[in-house]
Amino acid sequence: MKTLRLSVTHIVLSLFVVVLSGLAWWAGTPARAAFAPTIVLIPVSGIVTGQPESVKFSGQAQVSSELVLDTSKFNLPPAVILIVDLSSVSGIGSSTGAKYVAGGNGTNVYRRLVSADTVEITFPFTRGTTMSVSSTGLASVRSGVVTFALSFDTNTGAITSGTANIAESAGDRSPSGSPASTRAATCNEEG
């Protein structure tokens, strides 16, 4: 009687192929199809009131928009991933003339794709030229809110136009509850 001996290599290779086949079957189609992001620059301006002084901000926010289509069995509606970079936004103190820098660079927001949307992002800011915690700790870091009114191409997810305002965050509002004064800045993307 002949004994059939299988080498360990053949067994390991066979198990590897079976596992890979199972993973390929289980994974199915990708959960989402993403497209190349489009990037726009949106002028930003506004005033954050509060102590120790009000700060007037201006600059440009870089907003990236990436269309996301769900190809899974859930068939969710189209969406966009927005990435907001405020590194080109800075402020000037109203009483001291001191420079302030905005943080929140690279803030990600996932939104259902609609033709027009309003997005609010709370961002930190501090006195100086770099976003860092000083010797006084987090007490020196304040917050503001930037509100974007964005229009989208619903076929591509690209931002077609946008405006942005900066104001104080809800926690920094005056006792009367009134918001800080703001001035709209606009951007129109043609193409």
Protein backbone atom coordinates (compact mmCIF):
# COMPACT_ATOMS: atom_id res chain seq x y z
CA MET A 1 0.00 0.00 0.00
CA LYS A 2 1.31 3.40 -0.98
CA THR A 3 1.10 6.27 1.48
CA LEU A 4 0.41 9.67 0.01
CA ARG A 5 2.34 12.38 1.78
CA LEU A 6 1.43 16.00 1.34
CA SER A 7 4.12 18.51 1.94
CA VAL A 8 3.55 21.28 4.43
CA THR A 9 4.14 23.83 1.66
CA HIS A 10 1.27 22.45 -0.41
CA ILE A 11 -1.09 22.51 2.57
CA VAL A 12 -0.16 26.08 3.55
CA LEU A 13 -0.48 27.26 -0.05
CA SER A 14 -3.91 25.64 -0.39
CA LEU A 15 -5.14 27.22 2.86
CA PHE A 16 -3.81 30.60 1.72
CA VAL A 17 -5.76 30.37 -1.56
CA VAL A 18 -8.94 29.34 0.29
CA VAL A 19 -8.63 32.23 2.75
CA LEU A 20 -8.00 34.78 -0.01
CA SER A 21 -10.97 33.47 -1.99
CA GLY A 22 -13.18 33.76 1.08
CA LEU A 23 -12.03 37.31 1.77
CA ALA A 24 -12.65 38.34 -1.84
CA TRP A 25 -16.15 36.86 -1.72
CA TRP A 26 -16.95 38.42 1.68
CA ALA A 27 -15.68 41.90 0.79
CA GLY A 28 -17.79 42.17 -2.36
CA THR A 29 -17.92 45.62 -3.93
CA PRO A 30 -16.32 48.58 -2.18
CA ALA A 31 -18.53 50.43 0.31
CA ARG A 32 -17.96 53.73 -1.41
CA ALA A 33 -16.67 55.16 -4.62
CA ALA A 34 -14.76 58.38 -4.09
CA PHE A 35 -13.72 60.92 -6.69
CA ALA A 36 -10.85 63.39 -6.85
CA PRO A 37 -11.49 66.35 -4.56
CA THR A 38 -12.03 69.86 -5.88
CA ILE A 39 -10.56 72.80 -3.95
CA VAL A 40 -11.83 76.38 -3.71
CA LEU A 41 -10.64 79.43 -1.78
CA ILE A 42 -13.41 81.26 0.05
CA PRO A 43 -12.82 84.72 1.53
CA VAL A 44 -13.56 84.77 5.26
CA SER A 45 -14.14 87.76 7.53
CA GLY A 46 -15.86 88.69 10.75
CA ILE A 47 -15.41 89.76 14.35
CA VAL A 48 -15.28 87.62 17.47
CA THR A 49 -16.20 89.70 20.50
CA GLY A 50 -15.09 88.82 24.00
CA GLN A 51 -12.36 89.27 26.59
CA PRO A 52 -9.63 90.37 26.65
CA GLU A 53 -10.50 92.07 23.33
CA SER A 54 -12.56 91.70 20.17
CA VAL A 55 -10.69 90.20 17.23
CA LYS A 56 -11.32 91.09 13.58
CA PHE A 57 -10.54 88.14 11.29
CA SER A 58 -9.90 88.05 7.56
CA GLY A 59 -8.25 85.76 5.05
CA GLN A 60 -9.13 82.80 2.86
CA ALA A 61 -10.37 79.37 3.84
CA GLN A 62 -9.31 76.52 1.59
CA VAL A 63 -12.25 74.14 1.25
CA SER A 64 -11.85 70.78 -0.42
CA SER A 65 -14.95 68.87 -1.56
CA GLU A 66 -14.87 65.16 -2.45
CA LEU A 67 -17.92 63.39 -3.90
CA VAL A 68 -18.75 60.07 -2.24
CA LEU A 69 -21.12 57.55 -3.84
CA ASP A 70 -22.22 54.56 -1.80
CA THR A 71 -21.87 51.34 -3.80
CA SER A 72 -22.75 49.02 -0.93
CA LYS A 73 -26.03 47.19 -0.47
CA PHE A 74 -27.24 50.10 1.71
CA ASN A 75 -27.39 52.46 -1.30
CA LEU A 76 -27.08 55.67 0.72
CA PRO A 77 -27.62 59.04 -1.05
CA PRO A 78 -24.57 60.85 -2.49
CA ALA A 79 -22.47 62.80 -0.01
CA VAL A 80 -19.43 65.04 0.14
CA ILE A 81 -16.44 65.06 2.43
CA LEU A 82 -15.40 68.65 3.10
CA ILE A 83 -11.94 69.48 4.43
CA VAL A 84 -11.62 73.04 5.74
CA ASP A 85 -8.22 74.67 6.18
CA LEU A 86 -8.15 78.01 8.02
CA SER A 87 -4.33 78.40 8.03
CA SER A 88 -4.61 81.56 5.87
CA VAL A 89 -7.06 83.23 8.27
CA SER A 90 -5.67 85.64 10.88
CA GLY A 91 -6.97 88.33 13.18
CA ILE A 92 -6.09 91.69 14.70
CA GLY A 93 -7.03 92.65 18.25
CA SER A 94 -9.28 95.72 18.38
CA SER A 95 -7.68 97.40 21.38
CA THR A 96 -4.04 96.22 21.25
CA GLY A 97 -3.51 95.60 17.53
CA ALA A 98 -2.05 92.22 18.49
CA LYS A 99 -1.98 89.46 15.87
CA TYR A 100 -4.14 86.36 16.32
CA VAL A 101 -3.96 83.05 14.47
CA ALA A 102 -6.84 80.67 13.70
CA GLY A 103 -6.52 76.92 14.18
CA GLY A 104 -8.71 74.09 12.96
CA ASN A 105 -6.69 73.33 9.86
CA GLY A 106 -7.90 70.22 8.09
CA THR A 107 -11.29 69.94 9.80
CA ASN A 108 -13.27 67.10 8.14
CA VAL A 109 -17.04 67.31 7.65
CA TYR A 110 -19.22 64.61 6.06
CA ARG A 111 -22.44 66.00 4.54
CA ARG A 112 -25.24 64.67 2.38
CA LEU A 113 -24.90 66.21 -1.11
CA VAL A 114 -27.52 68.89 -1.76
CA SER A 115 -27.43 71.89 -4.09
CA ALA A 116 -27.04 74.38 -1.19
CA ASP A 117 -25.84 73.75 2.36
CA THR A 118 -24.82 75.72 5.46
CA VAL A 119 -21.89 74.35 7.46
CA GLU A 120 -20.75 75.71 10.83
CA ILE A 121 -17.32 74.91 12.20
CA THR A 122 -16.01 75.93 15.61
CA PHE A 123 -12.31 76.79 15.48
CA PRO A 124 -9.74 77.69 18.12
CA PHE A 125 -7.65 80.86 17.97
CA THR A 126 -4.96 82.41 20.07
CA ARG A 127 -2.79 85.49 20.27
CA GLY A 128 0.48 85.20 18.36
CA THR A 129 1.62 83.96 14.98
CA THR A 130 1.41 80.20 15.62
CA MET A 131 -1.33 78.07 17.11
CA SER A 132 0.19 76.91 20.40
CA VAL A 133 -0.72 76.76 24.05
CA SER A 134 1.16 79.45 25.99
CA SER A 135 2.46 79.38 29.53
CA THR A 136 -1.03 80.38 30.67
CA GLY A 137 -2.29 77.07 29.28
CA LEU A 138 -5.60 76.57 27.53
CA ALA A 139 -6.96 79.75 29.13
CA SER A 140 -5.28 81.71 26.32
CA VAL A 141 -7.13 79.75 23.60
CA ARG A 142 -10.49 81.17 22.54
CA SER A 143 -13.01 79.90 20.01
CA GLY A 144 -14.99 81.31 17.14
CA VAL A 145 -17.45 79.94 14.61
CA VAL A 146 -17.06 80.14 10.86
CA THR A 147 -20.31 79.66 8.93
CA PHE A 148 -20.10 78.62 5.29
CA ALA A 149 -23.04 78.94 2.87
CA LEU A 150 -22.02 76.62 0.02
CA SER A 151 -23.53 75.75 -3.36
CA PHE A 152 -22.64 72.46 -5.02
CA ASP A 153 -22.75 70.86 -8.45
CA THR A 154 -24.87 67.82 -7.55
CA ASN A 155 -23.30 65.76 -10.36
CA THR A 156 -19.67 66.22 -9.32
CA GLY A 157 -19.82 67.39 -5.69
CA ALA A 158 -17.73 70.46 -6.61
CA ILE A 159 -18.36 73.71 -4.74
CA THR A 160 -19.70 76.24 -7.25
CA SER A 161 -19.94 79.24 -4.90
CA GLY A 162 -19.61 80.05 -1.24
CA THR A 163 -19.68 82.71 1.44
CA ALA A 164 -18.17 82.66 4.91
CA ASN A 165 -18.75 84.63 8.13
CA ILE A 166 -16.88 84.48 11.42
CA ALA A 167 -18.55 85.14 14.78
CA GLU A 168 -18.04 84.12 18.38
CA SER A 169 -18.99 80.63 19.47
CA ALA A 170 -22.27 80.10 21.34
CA GLY A 171 -20.32 79.81 24.61
CA ASP A 172 -18.72 83.22 24.01
CA ARG A 173 -21.91 85.19 23.24
CA SER A 174 -22.67 88.35 25.12
CA PRO A 175 -25.18 88.16 28.02
CA SER A 176 -27.94 89.45 25.75
CA GLY A 177 -27.35 86.44 23.48
CA SER A 178 -26.82 88.60 20.42
CA PRO A 179 -24.22 87.40 17.94
CA ALA A 180 -21.10 89.37 17.10
CA SER A 181 -21.19 91.61 14.08
CA THR A 182 -20.15 89.84 10.90
CA ARG A 183 -19.58 90.74 7.29
CA ALA A 184 -20.12 88.23 4.49
CA ALA A 185 -17.33 87.40 2.11
CA THR A 186 -18.12 85.62 -1.12
CA CYS A 187 -16.48 83.29 -3.60
CA ASN A 188 -17.78 82.24 -6.99
CA GLU A 189 -16.15 79.31 -8.77
CA GLU A 190 -16.70 79.41 -12.50
CA GLY A 191 -16.19 76.43 -14.67
